[in-house]
Protein backbone atom coordinates (compact mmCIF):
# COMPACT_ATOMS: atom_id res chain seq x y z
CA MET A 1 21.61 -11.11 7.72
CA LEU A 2 17.90 -10.61 6.45
CA PRO A 3 15.05 -11.49 8.55
CA SER A 4 13.24 -14.86 7.47
CA GLU A 5 10.01 -14.63 9.81
CA ALA A 6 6.25 -13.93 8.08
CA ILE A 7 4.64 -11.11 7.47
CA GLU A 8 0.94 -10.75 8.24
CA ILE A 9 -1.02 -8.61 6.25
CA THR A 10 -4.78 -8.21 6.99
CA ILE A 11 -6.98 -6.40 4.19
CA LEU A 12 -8.94 -3.57 6.45
CA CYS A 13 -10.38 -1.90 3.67
CA GLU A 14 -10.83 -2.73 -0.17
CA ASN A 15 -13.42 -2.72 -2.86
CA THR A 16 -14.79 -6.20 -2.20
CA SER A 17 -15.08 -8.20 1.26
CA SER A 18 -14.33 -12.06 1.72
CA ASP A 19 -15.75 -11.80 5.20
CA VAL A 20 -19.67 -12.06 6.16
CA GLY A 21 -18.42 -9.72 9.19
CA CYS A 22 -16.60 -6.75 7.08
CA LEU A 23 -17.77 -4.08 5.25
CA ALA A 24 -16.30 -2.95 1.80
CA GLU A 25 -15.49 0.43 0.53
CA TRP A 26 -13.91 2.11 -2.86
CA GLY A 27 -10.25 2.68 -0.21
CA PHE A 28 -7.41 0.66 1.08
CA SER A 29 -5.77 -0.14 4.45
CA ALA A 30 -3.85 -2.89 5.75
CA PHE A 31 -2.41 -4.40 8.85
CA ILE A 32 1.25 -5.12 7.96
CA ARG A 33 2.95 -7.27 11.13
CA PHE A 34 6.41 -8.12 10.61
CA SER A 35 9.35 -8.63 12.94
CA GLY A 36 7.25 -7.59 16.17
CA ALA A 37 6.43 -4.38 14.56
CA ASN A 38 2.61 -3.43 13.41
CA ILE A 39 1.83 -0.60 10.73
CA LEU A 40 -1.37 0.95 9.48
CA PHE A 41 -0.96 1.32 5.91
CA ASP A 42 -3.33 3.88 4.45
CA THR A 43 -7.05 3.96 6.43
CA GLY A 44 -9.22 4.06 3.36
CA TYR A 45 -12.26 6.69 3.14
CA SER A 46 -14.23 6.19 6.19
CA ASP A 47 -14.34 4.13 9.16
CA VAL A 48 -14.99 1.23 7.44
CA TYR A 49 -11.51 0.09 8.86
CA LEU A 50 -12.46 0.57 12.09
CA GLN A 51 -15.59 -1.58 12.05
CA ASN A 52 -13.34 -4.43 10.07
CA ALA A 53 -10.63 -4.59 12.69
CA LYS A 54 -13.62 -4.53 15.51
CA ASN A 55 -14.83 -7.68 14.05
CA LEU A 56 -11.54 -9.22 13.08
CA ASN A 57 -10.62 -8.66 16.53
CA LEU A 58 -7.44 -6.73 15.55
CA ASP A 59 -6.71 -4.02 18.46
CA LEU A 60 -5.17 -1.01 16.30
CA GLU A 61 -3.57 0.57 19.33
CA ASP A 62 -1.24 -2.07 18.81
CA CYS A 63 -0.19 -0.09 15.76
CA ASP A 64 3.62 1.48 15.79
CA TYR A 65 3.36 3.47 12.53
CA VAL A 66 0.63 5.14 10.40
CA VAL A 67 1.83 4.90 6.83
CA PHE A 68 0.18 6.53 3.88
CA SER A 69 0.36 5.77 -0.06
CA HIS A 70 -0.26 9.29 -0.83
CA PHE A 71 -3.35 12.23 0.13
CA HIS A 72 -6.31 10.58 -2.08
CA CYS A 73 -8.95 10.29 0.37
CA ASP A 74 -9.93 6.76 -0.31
CA HIS A 75 -6.24 6.51 1.39
CA THR A 76 -6.45 8.97 4.17
CA ARG A 77 -9.78 10.34 5.05
CA GLY A 78 -10.13 6.94 7.41
CA LEU A 79 -7.69 8.56 10.03
CA GLN A 80 -10.61 11.12 10.72
CA PHE A 81 -12.44 8.77 12.22
CA HIS A 82 -9.30 6.95 14.45
CA ASN A 83 -9.82 6.13 18.47
CA PHE A 84 -6.09 5.88 18.87
CA ASN A 85 -5.00 6.45 22.65
CA SER A 86 -1.51 7.60 22.32
CA ARG A 87 0.08 9.48 20.20
CA LYS A 88 1.14 7.80 16.81
CA LYS A 89 3.81 8.16 14.21
CA ILE A 90 2.58 9.22 10.88
CA ILE A 91 5.22 8.94 7.45
CA CYS A 92 4.31 9.95 4.34
CA HIS A 93 5.46 12.36 1.61
CA PRO A 94 5.32 16.26 2.71
CA GLU A 95 2.97 16.93 -0.13
CA VAL A 96 0.09 14.51 1.63
CA LEU A 97 -0.06 17.29 4.60
CA GLU A 98 -0.35 20.48 2.31
CA LYS A 99 -2.64 18.87 -0.43
CA LEU A 100 -5.22 17.58 2.35
CA PRO A 101 -7.88 19.55 2.79
CA PRO A 102 -7.44 22.06 5.93
CA LYS A 103 -9.84 20.56 8.11
CA GLU A 104 -8.17 17.32 7.91
CA ALA A 105 -4.56 18.09 8.15
CA LEU A 106 -5.31 19.85 11.70
CA VAL A 107 -6.54 16.91 13.27
CA LEU A 108 -3.47 14.79 12.09
CA GLN A 109 -0.98 17.82 13.58
CA ARG A 110 -3.08 17.58 16.64
CA ASP A 111 -2.97 14.13 17.39
CA PHE A 112 -0.12 12.49 15.87
CA GLU A 113 3.65 12.90 15.29
CA LEU A 114 4.30 13.96 11.67
CA LEU A 115 7.35 12.13 10.43
CA PRO A 116 7.21 13.51 6.67
CA SER A 117 10.05 12.66 4.11
CA LYS A 118 10.89 12.61 0.37
CA ASN A 119 13.30 10.20 0.98
CA VAL A 120 13.76 6.58 1.58
CA ILE A 121 13.37 5.75 5.80
CA GLU A 122 14.00 2.49 7.10
CA PHE A 123 11.38 3.55 9.78
CA ILE A 124 11.81 -0.07 11.45
CA PRO A 125 14.90 -2.73 11.02
CA ASN A 126 14.06 -4.02 7.16
CA VAL A 127 11.41 -1.92 6.28
CA LEU A 128 11.18 1.35 4.17
CA PHE A 129 9.15 3.83 3.33
CA LEU A 130 10.38 4.79 -0.26
CA GLY A 131 9.82 8.25 -0.69
CA GLU A 132 9.61 9.77 -4.13
CA ILE A 133 9.68 7.56 -6.46
CA PRO A 134 11.51 8.12 -9.91
CA ARG A 135 9.82 7.86 -13.06
CA LYS A 136 11.63 5.17 -15.31
CA THR A 137 9.02 3.21 -17.39
CA SER A 138 7.79 4.47 -20.85
CA PHE A 139 4.89 2.68 -20.33
CA GLU A 140 3.24 4.06 -17.39
CA LYS A 141 1.71 7.49 -17.13
CA GLY A 142 3.27 7.92 -13.34
CA ARG A 143 0.49 10.72 -12.72
CA PHE A 144 -3.15 11.28 -12.04
CA GLU A 145 -4.93 13.31 -13.95
CA ASN A 146 -3.21 16.62 -13.92
CA ASP A 147 -1.65 16.04 -10.73
CA LYS A 148 2.74 14.27 -11.08
CA LEU A 149 1.65 12.60 -7.44
CA ASN A 150 5.08 12.74 -6.29
CA ASP A 151 3.41 12.20 -3.01
CA ASN A 152 2.87 8.39 -3.84
CA SER A 153 5.00 6.18 -2.59
CA ALA A 154 5.10 2.50 -0.92
CA ILE A 155 6.83 0.04 1.79
CA ALA A 156 9.38 -2.31 0.99
CA ILE A 157 10.17 -5.03 3.24
CA LYS A 158 13.62 -6.58 2.97
CA THR A 159 13.54 -10.29 3.62
CA GLU A 160 15.66 -13.26 2.71
CA ARG A 161 13.25 -14.49 0.25
CA GLY A 162 13.34 -10.90 -1.70
CA VAL A 163 11.89 -7.75 -1.19
CA VAL A 164 7.96 -7.09 -0.49
CA VAL A 165 6.63 -4.25 -2.16
CA VAL A 166 2.89 -2.83 -0.46
CA SER A 167 1.37 -0.34 -2.70
CA GLY A 168 -1.62 1.68 -1.51
CA CYS A 169 -2.69 3.00 -5.06
CA SER A 170 0.16 3.03 -8.00
CA HIS A 171 0.01 6.07 -9.49
CA ALA A 172 3.84 6.38 -9.77
CA GLY A 173 3.31 3.52 -11.59
CA ILE A 174 3.52 -0.01 -9.65
CA CYS A 175 6.96 -1.03 -12.06
CA ASN A 176 8.62 2.07 -11.50
CA ILE A 177 7.72 1.61 -7.71
CA CYS A 178 8.99 -2.13 -7.65
CA GLU A 179 12.27 -1.16 -9.71
CA TYR A 180 12.55 1.66 -7.18
CA ALA A 181 12.19 -0.83 -4.25
CA LYS A 182 14.65 -3.43 -6.13
CA GLN A 183 17.39 -0.73 -6.45
CA VAL A 184 17.22 0.66 -2.53
CA THR A 185 16.94 -2.86 -1.06
CA LYS A 186 19.64 -4.75 -3.51
CA LEU A 187 17.01 -7.72 -3.33
CA PRO A 188 14.78 -9.80 -5.99
CA LEU A 189 11.04 -9.14 -6.13
CA TYR A 190 9.47 -11.38 -3.68
CA ALA A 191 5.80 -10.03 -3.13
CA VAL A 192 4.17 -7.12 -4.93
CA ILE A 193 0.70 -6.53 -2.96
CA GLY A 194 -1.68 -3.84 -3.36
CA GLY A 195 -3.42 -0.89 -5.55
CA PHE A 196 -1.64 -1.29 -8.88
CA HIS A 197 -3.90 1.08 -10.76
CA LEU A 198 -4.66 -0.37 -14.05
CA PHE A 199 -7.47 -0.31 -16.03
CA GLU A 200 -8.34 -1.89 -19.60
CA ASN A 201 -8.38 1.53 -21.45
CA ASP A 202 -4.53 2.18 -20.76
CA HIS A 203 -3.36 -0.65 -23.08
CA GLU A 204 0.05 0.57 -22.78
CA ALA A 205 0.18 0.26 -19.30
CA VAL A 206 -1.51 -2.75 -18.70
CA LYS A 207 0.75 -4.59 -21.27
CA GLY A 208 3.72 -3.43 -20.08
CA THR A 209 3.06 -4.48 -16.80
CA LEU A 210 2.03 -7.77 -17.39
CA ASP A 211 5.00 -7.92 -19.75
CA TYR A 212 7.29 -6.58 -16.71
CA PHE A 213 5.93 -9.38 -13.85
CA GLN A 214 6.35 -12.09 -16.51
CA LYS A 215 9.93 -11.16 -16.86
CA GLU A 216 10.50 -10.82 -12.86
CA LYS A 217 8.24 -13.63 -12.00
CA PRO A 218 7.71 -12.60 -7.89
CA THR A 219 6.50 -15.68 -6.14
CA HIS A 220 3.14 -13.71 -4.89
CA LEU A 221 1.59 -11.10 -7.00
CA LEU A 222 -1.60 -9.68 -5.43
CA PRO A 223 -3.19 -6.86 -7.37
CA MET A 224 -6.38 -5.54 -6.07
CA HIS A 225 -8.40 -2.00 -5.16
CA CYS A 226 -7.36 -0.03 -8.20
CA VAL A 227 -7.53 -2.60 -11.09
CA ASP A 228 -10.28 -3.27 -13.15
CA PHE A 229 -11.88 -6.66 -13.44
CA PRO A 230 -11.11 -7.27 -16.79
CA THR A 231 -7.29 -6.42 -16.03
CA LEU A 232 -7.62 -9.14 -12.79
CA ALA A 233 -8.57 -11.68 -15.27
CA LYS A 234 -5.45 -11.07 -17.20
CA PHE A 235 -3.66 -11.29 -14.35
CA TYR A 236 -5.61 -14.08 -13.48
CA HIS A 237 -4.96 -15.82 -16.84
CA LEU A 238 -1.09 -15.56 -16.52
CA PHE A 239 -0.14 -15.61 -13.07
CA GLY A 240 -3.18 -17.52 -11.64
CA ILE A 241 -3.65 -14.63 -8.95
CA LYS A 242 -6.24 -14.85 -6.05
CA LYS A 243 -8.17 -11.66 -5.64
CA TYR A 244 -7.46 -10.53 -2.38
CA SER A 245 -10.33 -8.07 -0.27
CA ALA A 246 -11.48 -6.80 3.09
CA GLY A 247 -10.79 -9.16 6.21
CA ASP A 248 -8.72 -11.60 4.10
CA VAL A 249 -5.30 -12.35 6.01
CA ILE A 250 -1.99 -12.76 3.64
CA SER A 251 0.81 -14.69 5.28
CA LEU A 252 4.16 -14.80 3.82
CA LYS A 253 6.78 -17.17 5.04
């Protein structure tokens, strides 16, 4: 039986802030509570996620796993400033560790237990790291500049209402990520949250993604971080979305 309990996601780092006590920076970090487990998903560029966690009275020492969506510094560099007292587990694609600057990779090797994988891992019951994402859509580039970014991944959470997808920055294509999440969980989309990496100058990707979500009709659609304002406006027009920012707490019941 799939779980019915709520998922709580606190946005610790995002391009904008919705809380007077929280800072903003270009990057992403979220603290996910589900089924008695706690996941720190990405860590932004600096110690902003730590400062915001403190201001929100959130103890990151309660984290069970750190998961990286990909190697880019606005999602990983923040971990260099960590103040964990215990040796936490890091889940990521193995290319993340190969692509990080040597000094940053050394901190991870020294302070953390590394669990790299190209494959899907159900690291907590009903919570999956998706590993390497197959590129299937015709309208998504599935890369960033000259990098195929095979290390770009996401989290899929299985619930009785469907699958919840949390993406840091969807260089693989948010629709590719969602399709793979549906494939491995055998569930319909319930919620899609995080960076969608969509900008108005990529008309084909924006149109294809909007068409995709109009067809899929997830109950919750929450783009943030790497989505420009004209594209967010299109999401608002079609889906009535709310833009979430640092300091916001998303509760999915």
